Protein backbone atom coordinates (compact mmCIF):
# COMPACT_ATOMS: atom_id res chain seq x y z
CA MET A 1 -53.16 22.85 5.61
CA PRO A 2 -54.42 19.22 5.66
CA ASP A 3 -55.42 17.84 9.09
CA ASP A 4 -52.70 15.13 9.14
CA LEU A 5 -49.97 17.72 8.40
CA ARG A 6 -51.48 20.02 11.06
CA SER A 7 -51.39 17.26 13.67
CA LEU A 8 -47.85 16.35 12.65
CA ALA A 9 -46.78 19.97 13.07
CA LEU A 10 -48.29 20.02 16.55
CA ASP A 11 -46.48 16.80 17.42
CA VAL A 12 -43.13 17.91 16.00
CA PRO A 13 -42.80 21.72 16.50
CA LEU A 14 -39.53 22.02 14.51
CA LEU A 15 -41.30 20.69 11.42
CA THR A 16 -42.59 24.15 10.67
CA ASP A 17 -39.06 25.47 10.57
CA ARG A 18 -38.05 22.68 8.17
CA VAL A 19 -40.97 23.35 5.89
CA LEU A 20 -40.06 27.03 5.69
CA LEU A 21 -36.46 26.12 4.98
CA GLU A 22 -37.62 23.72 2.25
CA LEU A 23 -39.61 26.46 0.60
CA ALA A 24 -36.60 28.74 0.63
CA ASN A 25 -34.52 25.90 -0.78
CA SER A 26 -36.91 25.50 -3.71
CA LEU A 27 -36.15 29.09 -4.68
CA VAL A 28 -32.43 28.36 -4.51
CA VAL A 29 -32.90 25.30 -6.73
CA ALA A 30 -34.81 27.39 -9.25
CA GLU A 31 -32.06 30.02 -9.21
CA ASP A 32 -29.39 27.33 -9.74
CA LEU A 33 -31.23 25.87 -12.69
CA THR A 34 -31.61 29.31 -14.23
CA THR A 35 -27.93 30.05 -13.67
CA TYR A 36 -26.90 26.76 -15.27
CA ARG A 37 -29.03 27.48 -18.29
CA ARG A 38 -27.64 31.01 -18.59
CA GLU A 39 -24.00 29.90 -18.40
CA GLN A 40 -24.30 27.17 -21.02
CA SER A 41 -22.43 27.72 -24.28
CA PHE A 42 -24.30 28.13 -27.53
CA SER A 43 -23.42 24.59 -28.64
CA ALA A 44 -24.49 23.10 -25.29
CA THR A 45 -27.73 25.05 -25.37
CA LEU A 46 -28.42 23.89 -28.91
CA LEU A 47 -27.69 20.25 -27.94
CA ALA A 48 -29.91 20.58 -24.85
CA ARG A 49 -32.74 21.83 -27.04
CA ILE A 50 -32.29 18.95 -29.48
CA VAL A 51 -32.32 16.19 -26.84
CA GLY A 52 -34.99 17.85 -24.70
CA ARG A 53 -32.91 18.66 -21.64
CA GLU A 54 -33.46 22.37 -22.05
CA ARG A 55 -37.19 21.81 -21.97
CA GLN A 56 -36.87 19.67 -18.85
CA ARG A 57 -34.84 22.32 -17.06
CA GLU A 58 -37.32 24.94 -18.13
CA LEU A 59 -40.19 22.91 -16.69
CA LEU A 60 -38.27 22.26 -13.49
CA THR A 61 -37.49 25.95 -13.07
CA THR A 62 -41.05 27.00 -13.70
CA ARG A 63 -42.37 24.26 -11.42
CA ALA A 64 -40.03 25.24 -8.62
CA LEU A 65 -40.91 28.92 -8.90
CA VAL A 66 -44.67 28.28 -9.07
CA ASP A 67 -44.71 25.73 -6.24
CA GLY A 68 -42.48 27.92 -4.10
CA GLN A 69 -44.60 31.01 -4.56
CA ARG A 70 -47.87 29.11 -3.99
CA SER A 71 -46.51 27.40 -0.87
CA LEU A 72 -45.15 30.64 0.52
CA VAL A 73 -48.56 32.28 0.10
CA ASP A 74 -50.37 29.33 1.70
CA TRP A 75 -47.79 29.09 4.45
CA ALA A 76 -47.93 32.77 5.23
CA THR A 77 -51.76 32.67 5.29
CA GLU A 78 -51.81 29.62 7.54
CA LEU A 79 -49.28 30.93 10.03
CA SER A 80 -50.12 34.62 9.94
CA GLY A 81 -51.82 34.43 13.34
CA GLN A 82 -49.59 31.78 14.90
CA ALA A 83 -46.11 31.76 16.25
CA ARG A 84 -44.98 28.31 15.23
CA ILE A 85 -41.81 29.37 13.39
CA SER A 86 -38.75 30.01 15.44
CA ASP A 87 -36.64 33.14 15.13
CA LEU A 88 -33.67 31.05 14.14
CA ALA A 89 -35.52 29.54 11.20
CA LEU A 90 -36.68 32.96 10.09
CA ALA A 91 -33.12 34.26 10.35
CA ARG A 92 -31.75 31.37 8.34
CA VAL A 93 -34.41 31.84 5.67
CA ALA A 94 -33.79 35.58 5.58
CA ALA A 95 -30.04 35.04 5.20
CA CYS A 96 -30.57 32.40 2.50
CA LEU A 97 -32.98 34.59 0.56
CA GLY A 98 -30.64 37.56 0.92
CA GLU A 99 -27.74 35.52 -0.39
CA THR A 100 -29.87 34.23 -3.25
CA ARG A 101 -30.92 37.74 -4.12
CA ARG A 102 -27.32 38.92 -4.04
CA ARG A 103 -26.24 36.09 -6.34
CA VAL A 104 -29.10 36.83 -8.72
CA GLU A 105 -28.17 40.50 -8.84
CA GLU A 106 -24.49 39.65 -9.32
CA VAL A 107 -25.26 37.21 -12.15
CA GLY A 108 -27.63 39.76 -13.64
CA GLY A 109 -24.88 42.38 -13.62
CA GLN A 110 -22.42 39.95 -15.18
CA SER A 111 -24.99 39.03 -17.84
CA ALA A 112 -25.59 42.68 -18.59
CA ALA A 113 -21.88 43.28 -18.95
CA ARG A 114 -21.48 40.22 -21.16
CA LEU A 115 -24.45 41.29 -23.27
CA SER A 116 -22.91 44.76 -23.70
CA GLU A 117 -19.59 43.20 -24.66
CA LEU A 118 -21.37 40.79 -27.01
CA ALA A 119 -23.25 43.70 -28.58
CA ASP A 120 -19.94 45.48 -29.24
CA VAL A 121 -18.48 42.34 -30.79
CA VAL A 122 -21.57 41.81 -32.94
CA ALA A 123 -21.42 45.49 -34.04
CA ARG A 124 -17.74 45.13 -35.03
CA ILE A 125 -18.50 41.91 -36.90
CA ALA A 126 -21.44 43.55 -38.66
CA GLU A 127 -19.26 46.50 -39.63
CA ALA A 128 -16.54 44.21 -40.93
CA CYS A 129 -19.07 42.15 -42.84
CA GLU A 130 -20.58 45.28 -44.35
CA THR A 131 -17.13 46.46 -45.43
CA ARG A 132 -16.31 43.08 -46.96
CA PHE A 133 -19.75 42.94 -48.62
CA THR A 134 -19.27 46.44 -50.10
CA GLU A 135 -15.82 45.45 -51.38
CA ALA A 136 -17.21 42.27 -52.88
CA GLU A 137 -20.04 44.21 -54.55
CA SER A 138 -17.52 46.69 -55.99
CA ARG A 139 -15.30 43.89 -57.30
CA LEU A 140 -18.31 42.07 -58.76
CA ALA A 141 -19.53 45.27 -60.41
CA ALA A 142 -16.05 45.81 -61.86
CA LEU A 143 -15.94 42.25 -63.16
CA GLU A 144 -19.41 42.60 -64.67
CA GLU A 145 -18.35 45.90 -66.27
CA GLN A 146 -15.21 44.31 -67.65
CA GLN A 147 -17.16 41.32 -68.94
CA ALA A 148 -19.74 43.58 -70.59
CA ALA A 149 -16.98 45.66 -72.19
CA THR A 150 -15.28 42.52 -73.46
CA GLU A 151 -18.51 41.15 -74.92
CA LEU A 152 -19.28 44.51 -76.50
CA GLY A 153 -15.77 44.58 -78.00
CA LEU A 154 -16.30 41.19 -79.58
CA GLN A 155 -19.66 42.31 -80.93
CA ALA A 156 -18.02 45.42 -82.32
CA GLU A 157 -15.40 43.37 -84.11
CA ASP A 158 -18.07 41.09 -85.65
CA ALA A 159 -20.33 44.02 -86.63
CA LEU A 160 -17.50 45.91 -88.25
CA ALA A 161 -16.33 42.89 -90.22
CA ILE A 162 -19.88 42.05 -91.35
CA SER A 163 -20.76 45.60 -92.43
CA VAL A 164 -17.53 46.13 -94.34
CA GLY A 165 -17.77 42.65 -95.88
CA ARG A 166 -21.30 43.22 -97.14
CA TRP A 167 -20.39 46.58 -98.58
CA THR A 168 -17.25 45.17 -100.20
CA ALA A 169 -19.36 42.43 -101.83
CA GLY A 170 -21.86 45.01 -103.15
CA GLN A 171 -24.63 43.76 -100.88
CA SER A 172 -25.31 47.14 -99.23
CA TYR A 173 -25.82 50.66 -100.57
CA SER A 174 -25.25 49.47 -104.14
CA GLY A 175 -26.43 51.76 -106.89
CA LEU A 176 -25.85 54.94 -104.86
CA PRO A 177 -23.13 57.52 -105.56
CA TRP A 178 -19.81 56.59 -103.96
CA PRO A 179 -19.74 59.57 -101.52
CA VAL A 180 -23.25 58.68 -100.30
CA GLN A 181 -22.21 55.05 -99.79
CA VAL A 182 -19.27 56.16 -97.65
CA VAL A 183 -21.51 58.40 -95.56
CA MET A 184 -24.13 55.70 -95.00
CA LEU A 185 -21.60 52.96 -94.28
CA SER A 186 -19.84 55.20 -91.74
CA ALA A 187 -23.17 56.08 -90.09
CA GLU A 188 -24.20 52.41 -89.93
CA ILE A 189 -21.01 51.36 -88.15
CA ALA A 190 -20.96 54.38 -85.82
CA ALA A 191 -24.55 53.66 -84.75
CA GLY A 192 -23.84 49.96 -84.09
CA PRO A 193 -21.77 47.97 -81.59
CA ALA A 194 -18.47 49.47 -82.87
CA GLY A 195 -19.67 52.98 -82.02
CA ALA A 196 -21.14 51.81 -78.69
CA HIS A 197 -17.86 50.18 -77.71
CA SER A 198 -15.96 53.29 -78.77
CA PHE A 199 -18.22 55.45 -76.57
CA ARG A 200 -17.91 53.08 -73.61
CA SER A 201 -14.12 52.72 -73.83
CA GLY A 202 -13.44 56.34 -74.79
CA ARG A 203 -11.32 55.24 -77.77
CA ASP A 204 -12.30 55.41 -81.46
CA ALA A 205 -10.37 52.26 -82.22
CA TYR A 206 -12.60 51.29 -85.13
CA VAL A 207 -12.16 54.62 -87.00
CA GLU A 208 -8.74 53.90 -88.44
CA ARG A 209 -9.71 50.35 -89.31
CA LEU A 210 -12.80 51.52 -91.16
CA ILE A 211 -10.83 54.17 -93.05
CA HIS A 212 -8.28 51.62 -94.25
CA ALA A 213 -10.99 49.08 -95.08
CA VAL A 214 -12.93 51.54 -97.25
CA MET A 215 -9.76 52.73 -98.99
CA ASN A 216 -8.77 49.17 -99.82
CA VAL A 217 -12.00 48.56 -101.74
CA VAL A 218 -12.50 49.93 -105.22
CA ARG A 219 -16.22 50.23 -105.92
CA PRO A 220 -17.89 51.57 -109.05
CA GLY A 221 -17.65 55.33 -108.95
CA THR A 222 -14.64 55.41 -106.62
CA PRO A 223 -12.65 58.53 -107.66
CA GLN A 224 -9.05 58.17 -108.74
CA GLY A 225 -6.77 61.05 -107.79
CA ARG A 226 -8.22 64.43 -106.94
CA PHE A 227 -11.89 65.12 -107.63
CA ILE A 228 -14.50 67.89 -107.28
CA LEU A 229 -17.10 66.80 -104.72
CA VAL A 230 -20.04 68.69 -106.18
CA ASP A 231 -19.39 67.30 -109.64
CA LEU A 232 -18.97 63.74 -108.32
CA LEU A 233 -22.22 63.92 -106.34
CA ASP A 234 -24.24 65.49 -109.13
CA GLU A 235 -22.95 62.95 -111.64
CA GLY A 236 -23.72 60.05 -109.31
CA CYS A 237 -27.17 61.25 -108.33
CA SER A 238 -28.18 61.97 -111.93
CA THR A 239 -27.70 58.29 -112.82
CA THR A 240 -29.30 56.83 -109.68
CA ALA A 241 -32.89 55.59 -109.65
CA PRO A 242 -35.21 58.15 -108.01
CA ASP A 243 -36.63 55.61 -105.58
CA ARG A 244 -33.12 54.66 -104.52
CA LEU A 245 -32.26 58.32 -103.96
CA ARG A 246 -35.46 58.94 -102.03
CA LEU A 247 -34.70 55.99 -99.73
CA ALA A 248 -31.17 57.24 -99.14
CA ALA A 249 -32.46 60.74 -98.43
CA GLU A 250 -34.92 59.42 -95.82
CA ILE A 251 -32.24 57.31 -94.15
CA LEU A 252 -30.02 60.41 -93.96
CA GLY A 253 -32.83 62.39 -92.25
CA SER A 254 -35.03 63.87 -94.93
CA GLY A 255 -38.47 64.89 -93.72
CA LEU A 256 -37.56 64.73 -90.03
CA ALA A 257 -37.85 67.55 -87.56
CA PRO A 258 -34.48 69.17 -86.83
CA SER A 259 -34.57 67.76 -83.30
CA LEU A 260 -34.69 64.24 -84.72
CA VAL A 261 -32.00 64.63 -87.37
CA ALA A 262 -28.63 63.25 -86.31
CA PRO A 263 -25.86 65.85 -86.06
CA ALA A 264 -23.54 65.82 -89.03
CA GLY A 265 -20.28 67.35 -90.08
CA PRO A 266 -19.76 69.51 -93.19
CA LEU A 267 -19.17 66.78 -95.79
CA SER A 268 -21.91 64.52 -94.43
CA ALA A 269 -24.37 67.43 -94.37
CA VAL A 270 -23.55 68.40 -97.94
CA ALA A 271 -24.02 64.83 -99.16
CA ALA A 272 -27.33 64.37 -97.28
CA THR A 273 -28.74 67.73 -98.44
CA ALA A 274 -27.62 67.15 -102.03
CA VAL A 275 -29.42 63.78 -102.15
CA GLU A 276 -32.56 65.37 -100.72
CA LEU A 277 -32.50 68.17 -103.28
CA TRP A 278 -32.08 65.63 -106.04
CA THR A 279 -35.34 63.92 -104.95
CA LEU A 280 -37.35 67.10 -105.62
CA PRO A 281 -39.47 67.29 -108.74
CA GLY A 282 -37.79 68.70 -111.78
CA THR A 283 -39.42 72.12 -111.52
CA ALA A 284 -38.50 72.48 -107.83
CA ARG A 285 -34.99 71.09 -108.12
CA PRO A 286 -32.20 73.70 -108.36
CA PRO A 287 -30.00 73.55 -111.46
CA ARG A 288 -26.93 72.44 -109.48
CA PRO A 289 -28.32 70.61 -106.40
CA THR A 290 -24.93 69.88 -104.80
CA GLU A 291 -23.73 73.43 -105.27
CA THR A 292 -26.95 74.65 -103.59
CA ALA A 293 -26.47 72.09 -100.79
CA ALA A 294 -22.94 73.30 -100.12
CA ALA A 295 -24.16 76.91 -100.05
CA LEU A 296 -26.98 76.03 -97.62
CA VAL A 297 -24.59 74.21 -95.29
CA ARG A 298 -22.13 77.09 -95.43
CA ARG A 299 -24.82 79.69 -94.66
CA ARG A 300 -26.47 77.60 -91.96
CA HIS A 301 -23.41 76.43 -90.04
CA GLY A 302 -20.57 78.48 -91.34
CA TRP A 303 -18.80 75.31 -92.39
CA TRP A 304 -16.32 75.51 -95.21
CA THR A 305 -16.15 72.47 -97.43
CA PRO A 306 -13.20 71.95 -99.72
CA ARG A 307 -14.09 72.06 -103.42
CA THR A 308 -11.56 69.45 -104.41
CA GLY A 309 -9.96 66.58 -102.56
CA THR A 310 -8.81 62.97 -102.65
CA ALA A 311 -10.73 59.83 -101.84
CA GLY A 312 -8.58 59.19 -98.79
CA HIS A 313 -9.14 62.68 -97.44
CA PHE A 314 -12.94 62.43 -98.01
CA VAL A 315 -13.19 59.01 -96.36
CA GLU A 316 -11.18 60.06 -93.33
CA ARG A 317 -13.26 63.17 -92.73
CA VAL A 318 -16.62 61.45 -93.25
CA VAL A 319 -15.80 58.52 -90.94
CA LYS A 320 -14.63 60.90 -88.23
CA GLU A 321 -17.72 63.10 -88.69
CA GLN A 322 -20.05 60.14 -88.25
CA ALA A 323 -18.11 58.87 -85.22
CA ALA A 324 -18.39 62.32 -83.60
CA ALA A 325 -22.11 62.49 -84.43
CA ALA A 326 -22.82 59.10 -82.86
CA ARG A 327 -20.80 60.06 -79.78
CA THR A 328 -22.85 63.27 -79.42
CA LEU A 329 -26.13 61.35 -79.66
CA ARG A 330 -25.00 58.87 -77.02
CA GLN A 331 -23.93 61.66 -74.71
CA ARG A 332 -27.36 63.26 -75.08
CA ALA A 333 -29.05 59.95 -74.34
CA ALA A 334 -26.90 59.44 -71.23
CA ARG A 335 -27.77 62.91 -69.95
CA ALA A 336 -31.48 62.39 -70.67
CA ALA A 337 -31.43 59.14 -68.73
CA THR A 338 -30.29 60.94 -65.58
CA GLU A 339 -32.66 63.92 -65.86
CA PRO A 340 -36.09 63.81 -64.13
CA VAL A 341 -39.06 63.24 -66.39
CA PRO A 342 -41.37 66.31 -66.45
CA ALA A 343 -44.79 65.79 -64.86
CA ALA A 344 -46.56 66.99 -67.97
CA TYR A 345 -45.58 67.89 -71.48
CA ALA A 346 -47.55 70.52 -73.29
CA PRO A 347 -46.29 71.29 -76.83
CA GLY A 348 -46.66 74.83 -78.00
CA ALA A 349 -49.12 75.99 -80.58
CA GLY A 350 -48.36 74.94 -84.12
CA THR A 351 -45.89 72.22 -83.15
CA SER A 352 -48.15 69.22 -83.71
CA HIS A 353 -46.49 68.55 -87.05
CA GLY A 354 -43.05 69.74 -86.00
CA PRO A 355 -40.98 72.55 -87.46
CA ALA A 356 -40.21 72.97 -91.08
CA THR A 357 -38.45 70.01 -92.69
CA THR A 358 -37.32 71.56 -95.93
CA PRO A 359 -33.73 71.02 -97.06
CA GLN A 360 -33.03 74.64 -96.13
CA ALA A 361 -34.16 73.96 -92.57
CA ARG A 362 -32.22 70.68 -92.38
CA ALA A 363 -29.06 72.21 -93.67
């Protein structure tokens, strides 16, 4: 303690009591500042931070606590061996500090309760927000799905109109036998947006439209009345350029491993196999390629193909066969997308070039 303060304390004995009370008061001031800051609303706290009042109160609180603690230590050290503080002053300080402690504990308990209540409110708000967010995500996903389906439907309409229009104008599959043209046109549309939209919607809406569109077009080689399929195919293939037949056979799956060939119904399989047999050299080609193709399909799959029929019946069956084949391929692709990819793939011996790709194996 400085000498002038020591002499003043000797001259005025009650000064020591006042100093002790002042130190206790500094703790009360610090507690009041802390309480005020704690009880401020969020907006008031934000405003106080903006204008700097929060920082001033923080400095005042820290200054009061530090000064009070330092002074108490110095005061206790100075007066540890003296008896210059009266019992009344000590009692008043003890009562004040006890009351301050009680208030701090009470405010602390209230703050803990408020924090617990606030945590419950925040948890409920978070749960409600999560529910709303999940609902919004579901609605958005449904809207995106609907929009994608609508766009795919429009693409399907355009693709169907373009494919049928080009075939009607003789700009696609020209020069091929009429049954082969029907098979390839049906496969083209089933593999495109029309087939994709049909698979996505679960409705083969384009099938009937395609059947009617094909039946309304009379192309060279279109049969009138009832006809014999094997005779019509053999007659058409015999007058078709070999390169054109070879191209059609490859498009229909010639030379591919069985696992790569698209599934086909009876009439489509007979047409594809017949075209492939017609591409064989003269010495290797059977005398009646289409008859042989029908026999191979019958022996391989047990499918019975009618010997005679009408153009409408043939078109209807072929279009539906190609629609079913495309649907099967898309189902396989969807299943494969969800299956785990194997860690390693080791093909068996003798499979580097794939299995046999002869017409007999394809059929």
